[in-house]
Amino acid sequence: MRNDIKLAFEQGKIQAICGFPGIGKSYLANEHPMQFEDCFYSRCRYFNRAISSLERPEYPENWIKKVQNALSNNRIVLVACNPDARNIFNIMGLKYLLVYPPISDKSHYYHIYDTRSDERDFIDLNKNRFESYIRMLQSTEVPEGCFKEELPERMNLTDYLKPIL
């Protein structure tokens, strides 16, 4: 599977990465800004809806434009791995990699969450649903041409993609 993912990246067939919270999407975008763009799906929309029942009236067009802009600049889009983002990618016909940590990394990710500057409610949401969210992702089917991979223990997104970068 790993070789198939590497080949898909090299051929430009993966246009987005849907990554678990704390996996290193923002870090990757900051380290490789010409290749990746963090489109902050979870912070732009999902987090607001999940915590305070707020939804921006311009959604999803505002987010789709952000994604299209990143793609037009030949960047791979980085987003949270929630189902809403993946559904929009499916509608747009984008091919993506869904990537998440193993459940055994729970304490490692709790440490990551506790040292982040995110809103406390967002951190608590991620901690409270960690195991159930990973189980859901493990059973998630991805469309043809898309990929899904559980990272090895303690591996972040940048290290996972090093052979590709």
N, C-alpha and C. Protein backbone atom coordinates (compact mmCIF):
# COMPACT_ATOMS: atom_id res chain seq x y z
N MET A 1 0.83 -1.20 0.00
CA MET A 1 0.00 0.00 0.00
C MET A 1 0.87 1.26 0.00
N ARG A 2 1.92 1.26 0.81
CA ARG A 2 2.77 2.45 0.92
C ARG A 2 3.37 2.82 -0.44
N ASN A 3 3.77 1.83 -1.24
CA ASN A 3 4.32 2.10 -2.56
C ASN A 3 3.26 2.68 -3.49
N ASP A 4 2.03 2.21 -3.36
CA ASP A 4 0.93 2.76 -4.17
C ASP A 4 0.68 4.23 -3.83
N ILE A 5 0.75 4.56 -2.55
CA ILE A 5 0.56 5.94 -2.11
C ILE A 5 1.70 6.81 -2.63
N LYS A 6 2.92 6.34 -2.51
CA LYS A 6 4.08 7.09 -3.01
C LYS A 6 3.95 7.35 -4.51
N LEU A 7 3.57 6.34 -5.25
CA LEU A 7 3.39 6.49 -6.70
C LEU A 7 2.28 7.49 -7.01
N ALA A 8 1.18 7.43 -6.27
CA ALA A 8 0.07 8.37 -6.50
C ALA A 8 0.51 9.81 -6.24
N PHE A 9 1.32 10.04 -5.20
CA PHE A 9 1.85 11.38 -4.95
C PHE A 9 2.75 11.82 -6.10
N GLU A 10 3.65 10.95 -6.49
CA GLU A 10 4.60 11.29 -7.56
C GLU A 10 3.89 11.61 -8.87
N GLN A 11 2.77 10.96 -9.13
CA GLN A 11 2.01 11.19 -10.36
C GLN A 11 0.98 12.30 -10.22
N GLY A 12 0.95 12.96 -9.06
CA GLY A 12 0.01 14.06 -8.85
C GLY A 12 -1.43 13.61 -8.70
N LYS A 13 -1.63 12.37 -8.31
CA LYS A 13 -2.99 11.83 -8.20
C LYS A 13 -3.61 12.03 -6.82
N ILE A 14 -2.82 12.47 -5.86
CA ILE A 14 -3.37 12.79 -4.54
C ILE A 14 -3.36 14.31 -4.43
N GLN A 15 -4.54 14.87 -4.28
CA GLN A 15 -4.69 16.33 -4.24
C GLN A 15 -4.92 16.86 -2.84
N ALA A 16 -5.18 15.95 -1.90
CA ALA A 16 -5.48 16.39 -0.53
C ALA A 16 -5.09 15.30 0.46
N ILE A 17 -4.82 15.75 1.66
CA ILE A 17 -4.57 14.84 2.77
C ILE A 17 -5.56 15.21 3.86
N CYS A 18 -6.34 14.23 4.28
CA CYS A 18 -7.27 14.39 5.39
C CYS A 18 -6.60 13.75 6.60
N GLY A 19 -6.16 14.56 7.53
CA GLY A 19 -5.36 14.05 8.65
C GLY A 19 -6.01 14.24 9.99
N PHE A 20 -5.75 13.31 10.86
CA PHE A 20 -6.26 13.32 12.22
C PHE A 20 -5.74 14.54 12.97
N PRO A 21 -6.50 15.09 13.91
CA PRO A 21 -6.03 16.24 14.70
C PRO A 21 -4.71 15.93 15.42
N GLY A 22 -3.74 16.81 15.28
CA GLY A 22 -2.47 16.66 15.96
C GLY A 22 -1.44 15.85 15.19
N ILE A 23 -1.78 15.43 13.99
CA ILE A 23 -0.89 14.58 13.21
C ILE A 23 0.25 15.37 12.55
N GLY A 24 0.09 16.68 12.46
CA GLY A 24 1.15 17.52 11.92
C GLY A 24 0.84 18.21 10.60
N LYS A 25 -0.44 18.45 10.32
CA LYS A 25 -0.82 19.11 9.06
C LYS A 25 -0.27 20.54 9.00
N SER A 26 -0.48 21.30 10.04
CA SER A 26 -0.01 22.70 10.05
C SER A 26 1.51 22.76 10.00
N TYR A 27 2.17 21.89 10.72
CA TYR A 27 3.63 21.85 10.70
C TYR A 27 4.12 21.57 9.28
N LEU A 28 3.53 20.58 8.63
CA LEU A 28 3.92 20.22 7.27
C LEU A 28 3.74 21.41 6.32
N ALA A 29 2.61 22.10 6.43
CA ALA A 29 2.35 23.26 5.57
C ALA A 29 3.35 24.38 5.84
N ASN A 30 3.74 24.57 7.08
CA ASN A 30 4.72 25.60 7.41
C ASN A 30 6.11 25.24 6.91
N GLU A 31 6.45 23.96 6.95
CA GLU A 31 7.77 23.51 6.51
C GLU A 31 7.89 23.43 4.98
N HIS A 32 6.77 23.19 4.30
CA HIS A 32 6.77 23.02 2.84
C HIS A 32 5.62 23.85 2.22
N PRO A 33 5.69 25.17 2.35
CA PRO A 33 4.57 26.02 1.91
C PRO A 33 4.33 26.03 0.40
N MET A 34 5.30 25.64 -0.37
CA MET A 34 5.09 25.62 -1.83
C MET A 34 4.42 24.32 -2.28
N GLN A 35 4.40 23.31 -1.42
CA GLN A 35 3.81 22.02 -1.77
C GLN A 35 2.46 21.78 -1.10
N PHE A 36 2.28 22.34 0.11
CA PHE A 36 1.10 22.03 0.91
C PHE A 36 0.43 23.31 1.42
N GLU A 37 -0.89 23.26 1.53
CA GLU A 37 -1.63 24.37 2.12
C GLU A 37 -2.64 23.83 3.12
N ASP A 38 -2.55 24.33 4.34
CA ASP A 38 -3.47 23.92 5.39
C ASP A 38 -4.76 24.72 5.24
N CYS A 39 -5.81 24.04 4.90
CA CYS A 39 -7.09 24.72 4.66
C CYS A 39 -7.99 24.73 5.89
N PHE A 40 -7.50 24.31 7.03
CA PHE A 40 -8.17 24.49 8.33
C PHE A 40 -9.65 24.17 8.33
N TYR A 41 -10.05 23.13 7.68
CA TYR A 41 -11.48 22.82 7.63
C TYR A 41 -12.09 22.75 9.02
N SER A 42 -11.46 22.06 9.93
CA SER A 42 -12.06 21.86 11.24
C SER A 42 -12.25 23.17 11.99
N ARG A 43 -11.32 24.10 11.83
CA ARG A 43 -11.43 25.37 12.55
C ARG A 43 -12.37 26.34 11.84
N CYS A 44 -12.50 26.22 10.53
CA CYS A 44 -13.37 27.14 9.79
C CYS A 44 -14.83 26.79 9.96
N ARG A 45 -15.14 25.52 10.13
CA ARG A 45 -16.53 25.16 10.14
C ARG A 45 -16.90 24.10 11.16
N TYR A 46 -16.25 22.99 11.14
CA TYR A 46 -16.68 21.87 11.96
C TYR A 46 -16.62 22.18 13.44
N PHE A 47 -15.52 22.75 13.89
CA PHE A 47 -15.39 23.07 15.31
C PHE A 47 -16.50 23.99 15.78
N ASN A 48 -16.79 25.03 15.01
CA ASN A 48 -17.86 25.95 15.39
C ASN A 48 -19.20 25.22 15.52
N ARG A 49 -19.49 24.35 14.55
CA ARG A 49 -20.75 23.62 14.60
C ARG A 49 -20.79 22.67 15.78
N ALA A 50 -19.72 21.95 16.02
CA ALA A 50 -19.70 20.93 17.06
C ALA A 50 -19.81 21.54 18.46
N ILE A 51 -19.21 22.68 18.67
CA ILE A 51 -19.17 23.26 20.00
C ILE A 51 -20.31 24.24 20.25
N SER A 52 -20.57 25.12 19.33
CA SER A 52 -21.51 26.20 19.63
C SER A 52 -22.70 26.27 18.68
N SER A 53 -22.86 25.28 17.83
CA SER A 53 -23.98 25.24 16.89
C SER A 53 -23.97 26.40 15.90
N LEU A 54 -22.83 26.99 15.67
CA LEU A 54 -22.73 28.08 14.70
C LEU A 54 -22.32 27.52 13.35
N GLU A 55 -22.90 28.06 12.31
CA GLU A 55 -22.47 27.69 10.97
C GLU A 55 -22.46 28.94 10.13
N ARG A 56 -21.37 29.17 9.45
CA ARG A 56 -21.25 30.36 8.62
C ARG A 56 -22.18 30.24 7.42
N PRO A 57 -22.92 31.29 7.08
CA PRO A 57 -23.88 31.20 5.97
C PRO A 57 -23.22 31.02 4.61
N GLU A 58 -21.95 31.42 4.46
CA GLU A 58 -21.28 31.28 3.18
C GLU A 58 -20.67 29.90 2.97
N TYR A 59 -20.79 29.04 3.97
CA TYR A 59 -20.28 27.67 3.85
C TYR A 59 -21.22 26.87 2.96
N PRO A 60 -20.74 25.99 2.09
CA PRO A 60 -19.37 25.54 1.91
C PRO A 60 -18.62 26.27 0.79
N GLU A 61 -19.28 27.24 0.14
CA GLU A 61 -18.65 27.90 -1.01
C GLU A 61 -17.33 28.58 -0.63
N ASN A 62 -17.27 29.20 0.56
CA ASN A 62 -16.03 29.87 0.97
C ASN A 62 -14.89 28.87 1.13
N TRP A 63 -15.18 27.72 1.66
CA TRP A 63 -14.14 26.72 1.85
C TRP A 63 -13.74 26.07 0.52
N ILE A 64 -14.70 25.81 -0.34
CA ILE A 64 -14.41 25.24 -1.66
C ILE A 64 -13.51 26.18 -2.45
N LYS A 65 -13.76 27.49 -2.37
CA LYS A 65 -12.89 28.46 -3.05
C LYS A 65 -11.47 28.41 -2.51
N LYS A 66 -11.34 28.26 -1.21
CA LYS A 66 -10.00 28.16 -0.60
C LYS A 66 -9.28 26.91 -1.12
N VAL A 67 -9.97 25.80 -1.21
CA VAL A 67 -9.40 24.56 -1.72
C VAL A 67 -9.02 24.73 -3.20
N GLN A 68 -9.92 25.29 -3.98
CA GLN A 68 -9.63 25.49 -5.41
C GLN A 68 -8.44 26.41 -5.62
N ASN A 69 -8.30 27.42 -4.79
CA ASN A 69 -7.16 28.33 -4.88
C ASN A 69 -5.86 27.59 -4.58
N ALA A 70 -5.86 26.76 -3.56
CA ALA A 70 -4.67 25.98 -3.23
C ALA A 70 -4.31 25.05 -4.39
N LEU A 71 -5.30 24.39 -4.96
CA LEU A 71 -5.05 23.48 -6.07
C LEU A 71 -4.53 24.22 -7.30
N SER A 72 -5.08 25.42 -7.55
CA SER A 72 -4.62 26.19 -8.71
C SER A 72 -3.18 26.65 -8.55
N ASN A 73 -2.70 26.69 -7.30
CA ASN A 73 -1.30 27.02 -7.02
C ASN A 73 -0.45 25.76 -6.87
N ASN A 74 -0.99 24.63 -7.35
CA ASN A 74 -0.29 23.34 -7.34
C ASN A 74 0.13 22.89 -5.95
N ARG A 75 -0.72 23.17 -4.98
CA ARG A 75 -0.46 22.73 -3.62
C ARG A 75 -1.41 21.59 -3.25
N ILE A 76 -0.92 20.70 -2.43
CA ILE A 76 -1.75 19.63 -1.88
C ILE A 76 -2.47 20.21 -0.67
N VAL A 77 -3.77 20.01 -0.61
CA VAL A 77 -4.62 20.55 0.44
C VAL A 77 -4.52 19.67 1.69
N LEU A 78 -4.36 20.30 2.84
CA LEU A 78 -4.34 19.60 4.12
C LEU A 78 -5.57 20.00 4.92
N VAL A 79 -6.33 19.01 5.35
CA VAL A 79 -7.53 19.29 6.14
C VAL A 79 -7.70 18.24 7.22
N ALA A 80 -8.59 18.53 8.16
CA ALA A 80 -8.97 17.55 9.16
C ALA A 80 -9.70 16.40 8.46
N CYS A 81 -9.76 15.28 9.13
CA CYS A 81 -10.30 14.09 8.46
C CYS A 81 -11.79 13.87 8.73
N ASN A 82 -12.52 14.90 9.03
CA ASN A 82 -13.94 14.68 9.31
C ASN A 82 -14.73 14.36 8.05
N PRO A 83 -15.84 13.70 8.19
CA PRO A 83 -16.63 13.25 7.04
C PRO A 83 -17.12 14.38 6.13
N ASP A 84 -17.42 15.54 6.68
CA ASP A 84 -17.91 16.64 5.85
C ASP A 84 -16.87 17.05 4.81
N ALA A 85 -15.62 17.16 5.22
CA ALA A 85 -14.55 17.52 4.27
C ALA A 85 -14.40 16.45 3.20
N ARG A 86 -14.41 15.20 3.62
CA ARG A 86 -14.28 14.11 2.64
C ARG A 86 -15.45 14.08 1.67
N ASN A 87 -16.64 14.36 2.16
CA ASN A 87 -17.82 14.41 1.27
C ASN A 87 -17.67 15.51 0.23
N ILE A 88 -17.17 16.65 0.63
CA ILE A 88 -16.97 17.74 -0.32
C ILE A 88 -15.90 17.35 -1.34
N PHE A 89 -14.83 16.71 -0.88
CA PHE A 89 -13.81 16.25 -1.82
C PHE A 89 -14.40 15.25 -2.81
N ASN A 90 -15.26 14.36 -2.32
CA ASN A 90 -15.91 13.39 -3.21
C ASN A 90 -16.75 14.10 -4.26
N ILE A 91 -17.51 15.11 -3.85
CA ILE A 91 -18.34 15.88 -4.79
C ILE A 91 -17.46 16.61 -5.81
N MET A 92 -16.31 17.13 -5.34
CA MET A 92 -15.39 17.86 -6.22
C MET A 92 -14.56 16.90 -7.09
N GLY A 93 -14.60 15.63 -6.79
CA GLY A 93 -13.80 14.66 -7.55
C GLY A 93 -12.33 14.65 -7.17
N LEU A 94 -11.99 15.15 -5.98
CA LEU A 94 -10.59 15.18 -5.54
C LEU A 94 -10.19 13.84 -4.95
N LYS A 95 -8.98 13.45 -5.23
CA LYS A 95 -8.42 12.23 -4.66
C LYS A 95 -7.60 12.61 -3.43
N TYR A 96 -7.77 11.84 -2.38
CA TYR A 96 -7.13 12.19 -1.12
C TYR A 96 -6.56 10.97 -0.41
N LEU A 97 -5.70 11.27 0.55
CA LEU A 97 -5.16 10.29 1.48
C LEU A 97 -5.77 10.58 2.84
N LEU A 98 -6.41 9.61 3.43
CA LEU A 98 -6.94 9.70 4.79
C LEU A 98 -5.91 9.03 5.70
N VAL A 99 -5.37 9.78 6.66
CA VAL A 99 -4.29 9.26 7.50
C VAL A 99 -4.57 9.57 8.96
N TYR A 100 -4.29 8.59 9.82
CA TYR A 100 -4.61 8.70 11.24
C TYR A 100 -3.64 7.85 12.05
N PRO A 101 -3.52 8.14 13.36
CA PRO A 101 -2.59 7.37 14.20
C PRO A 101 -3.24 6.08 14.70
N PRO A 102 -2.42 5.19 15.23
CA PRO A 102 -2.99 4.00 15.87
C PRO A 102 -3.57 4.36 17.24
N ILE A 103 -4.53 3.61 17.69
CA ILE A 103 -5.12 3.86 19.02
C ILE A 103 -4.05 3.78 20.10
N SER A 104 -3.05 2.98 19.89
CA SER A 104 -1.98 2.83 20.89
C SER A 104 -1.20 4.13 21.12
N ASP A 105 -1.36 5.13 20.27
CA ASP A 105 -0.70 6.43 20.43
C ASP A 105 -1.53 7.43 21.23
N LYS A 106 -2.56 6.96 21.88
CA LYS A 106 -3.48 7.83 22.61
C LYS A 106 -2.75 8.78 23.57
N SER A 107 -1.88 8.28 24.43
CA SER A 107 -1.21 9.16 25.40
C SER A 107 -0.29 10.16 24.69
N HIS A 108 0.33 9.74 23.62
CA HIS A 108 1.17 10.66 22.82
C HIS A 108 0.33 11.81 22.27
N TYR A 109 -0.83 11.51 21.74
CA TYR A 109 -1.70 12.56 21.18
C TYR A 109 -2.31 13.42 22.27
N TYR A 110 -2.63 12.85 23.41
CA TYR A 110 -3.12 13.65 24.53
C TYR A 110 -2.06 14.68 24.91
N HIS A 111 -0.81 14.28 24.92
CA HIS A 111 0.27 15.23 25.22
C HIS A 111 0.33 16.34 24.17
N ILE A 112 0.20 15.95 22.90
CA ILE A 112 0.19 16.95 21.82
C ILE A 112 -0.95 17.93 22.04
N TYR A 113 -2.14 17.42 22.32
CA TYR A 113 -3.32 18.30 22.51
C TYR A 113 -3.12 19.22 23.70
N ASP A 114 -2.59 18.68 24.79
CA ASP A 114 -2.44 19.48 26.01
C ASP A 114 -1.39 20.58 25.88
N THR A 115 -0.48 20.46 24.92
CA THR A 115 0.55 21.48 24.75
C THR A 115 0.25 22.43 23.59
N ARG A 116 -0.92 22.27 22.97
CA ARG A 116 -1.30 23.16 21.85
C ARG A 116 -1.99 24.40 22.37
N SER A 117 -2.04 25.40 21.52
CA SER A 117 -2.70 26.65 21.91
C SER A 117 -4.15 26.71 21.43
N ASP A 118 -4.71 25.58 21.03
CA ASP A 118 -6.10 25.54 20.57
C ASP A 118 -7.07 25.85 21.71
N GLU A 119 -8.30 26.13 21.33
CA GLU A 119 -9.36 26.32 22.30
C GLU A 119 -9.50 25.07 23.16
N ARG A 120 -9.70 25.25 24.44
CA ARG A 120 -9.81 24.12 25.38
C ARG A 120 -10.96 23.18 24.96
N ASP A 121 -12.08 23.73 24.51
CA ASP A 121 -13.21 22.89 24.10
C ASP A 121 -12.83 22.00 22.93
N PHE A 122 -12.04 22.52 22.01
CA PHE A 122 -11.60 21.74 20.85
C PHE A 122 -10.67 20.60 21.30
N ILE A 123 -9.78 20.91 22.21
CA ILE A 123 -8.86 19.90 22.75
C ILE A 123 -9.65 18.81 23.47
N ASP A 124 -10.59 19.22 24.31
CA ASP A 124 -11.41 18.24 25.04
C ASP A 124 -12.23 17.38 24.09
N LEU A 125 -12.75 17.97 23.03
CA LEU A 125 -13.50 17.22 22.03
C LEU A 125 -12.60 16.14 21.41
N ASN A 126 -11.39 16.50 21.02
CA ASN A 126 -10.47 15.53 20.43
C ASN A 126 -10.10 14.42 21.40
N LYS A 127 -9.87 14.78 22.66
CA LYS A 127 -9.51 13.76 23.64
C LYS A 127 -10.69 12.83 23.93
N ASN A 128 -11.87 13.39 24.04
CA ASN A 128 -13.05 12.59 24.38
C ASN A 128 -13.44 11.61 23.28
N ARG A 129 -13.14 11.93 22.06
CA ARG A 129 -13.55 11.06 20.96
C ARG A 129 -12.38 10.32 20.31
N PHE A 130 -11.20 10.37 20.89
CA PHE A 130 -10.00 9.82 20.27
C PHE A 130 -10.20 8.38 19.79
N GLU A 131 -10.52 7.48 20.70
CA GLU A 131 -10.63 6.07 20.34
C GLU A 131 -11.80 5.81 19.39
N SER A 132 -12.94 6.40 19.67
CA SER A 132 -14.11 6.14 18.80
C SER A 132 -13.89 6.72 17.40
N TYR A 133 -13.21 7.84 17.32
CA TYR A 133 -12.94 8.46 16.02
C TYR A 133 -11.97 7.59 15.20
N ILE A 134 -10.95 7.08 15.85
CA ILE A 134 -10.01 6.21 15.13
C ILE A 134 -10.71 4.93 14.69
N ARG A 135 -11.53 4.35 15.55
CA ARG A 135 -12.27 3.14 15.15
C ARG A 135 -13.16 3.42 13.95
N MET A 136 -13.80 4.59 13.95
CA MET A 136 -14.64 4.96 12.81
C MET A 136 -13.78 5.07 11.55
N LEU A 137 -12.60 5.71 11.66
CA LEU A 137 -11.73 5.86 10.50
C LEU A 137 -11.21 4.51 10.02
N GLN A 138 -10.92 3.60 10.94
CA GLN A 138 -10.45 2.27 10.55
C GLN A 138 -11.48 1.54 9.70
N SER A 139 -12.75 1.79 9.96
CA SER A 139 -13.81 1.10 9.21
C SER A 139 -14.32 1.91 8.02
N THR A 140 -13.80 3.11 7.84
CA THR A 140 -14.22 3.97 6.74
C THR A 140 -13.72 3.45 5.41
N GLU A 141 -14.61 3.39 4.44
CA GLU A 141 -14.22 3.04 3.07
C GLU A 141 -13.93 4.35 2.33
N VAL A 142 -12.88 4.36 1.54
CA VAL A 142 -12.57 5.54 0.74
C VAL A 142 -12.88 5.21 -0.73
N PRO A 143 -13.25 6.23 -1.50
CA PRO A 143 -13.57 6.00 -2.91
C PRO A 143 -12.37 5.49 -3.70
N GLU A 144 -12.65 4.93 -4.83
CA GLU A 144 -11.60 4.45 -5.73
C GLU A 144 -10.66 5.60 -6.07
N GLY A 145 -9.38 5.33 -6.05
CA GLY A 145 -8.39 6.35 -6.34
C GLY A 145 -7.94 7.12 -5.12
N CYS A 146 -8.63 6.93 -3.99
CA CYS A 146 -8.23 7.54 -2.72
C CYS A 146 -7.54 6.47 -1.88
N PHE A 147 -6.86 6.91 -0.84
CA PHE A 147 -6.11 6.00 0.01
C PHE A 147 -6.40 6.26 1.47
N LYS A 148 -6.18 5.23 2.27
CA LYS A 148 -6.35 5.34 3.73
C LYS A 148 -5.18 4.60 4.36
N GLU A 149 -4.57 5.22 5.38
CA GLU A 149 -3.43 4.57 6.02
C GLU A 149 -3.35 4.96 7.50
N GLU A 150 -3.12 3.95 8.32
CA GLU A 150 -2.84 4.17 9.73
C GLU A 150 -1.32 4.32 9.86
N LEU A 151 -0.89 5.39 10.48
CA LEU A 151 0.54 5.64 10.65
C LEU A 151 1.15 4.65 11.63
N PRO A 152 2.44 4.38 11.49
CA PRO A 152 3.14 3.62 12.53
C PRO A 152 3.14 4.44 13.83
N GLU A 153 3.32 3.77 14.95
CA GLU A 153 3.33 4.46 16.25
C GLU A 153 4.33 5.60 16.26
N ARG A 154 3.91 6.70 16.88
CA ARG A 154 4.73 7.90 17.10
C ARG A 154 5.25 8.57 15.83
N MET A 155 4.64 8.29 14.70
CA MET A 155 5.07 8.92 13.45
C MET A 155 4.14 10.07 13.12
N ASN A 156 4.72 11.22 12.77
CA ASN A 156 3.91 12.36 12.36
C ASN A 156 3.82 12.40 10.84
N LEU A 157 3.04 13.30 10.33
CA LEU A 157 2.78 13.38 8.90
C LEU A 157 4.04 13.71 8.09
N THR A 158 4.88 14.61 8.59
CA THR A 158 6.10 14.97 7.88
C THR A 158 7.03 13.76 7.74
N ASP A 159 7.21 13.02 8.83
CA ASP A 159 8.07 11.84 8.76
C ASP A 159 7.47 10.78 7.82
N TYR A 160 6.16 10.65 7.85
CA TYR A 160 5.48 9.69 6.98
C TYR A 160 5.72 10.02 5.50
N LEU A 161 5.73 11.32 5.19
CA LEU A 161 5.86 11.75 3.80
C LEU A 161 7.31 11.97 3.35
N LYS A 162 8.28 11.82 4.23
CA LYS A 162 9.69 12.08 3.86
C LYS A 162 10.12 11.39 2.59
N PRO A 163 9.77 10.13 2.38
CA PRO A 163 10.19 9.49 1.11
C PRO A 163 9.57 10.13 -0.13
N ILE A 164 8.52 10.90 0.07
CA ILE A 164 7.79 11.51 -1.04
C ILE A 164 8.23 12.95 -1.28
N LEU A 165 8.60 13.64 -0.21
CA LEU A 165 8.92 15.06 -0.28
C LEU A 165 10.19 15.33 -1.05
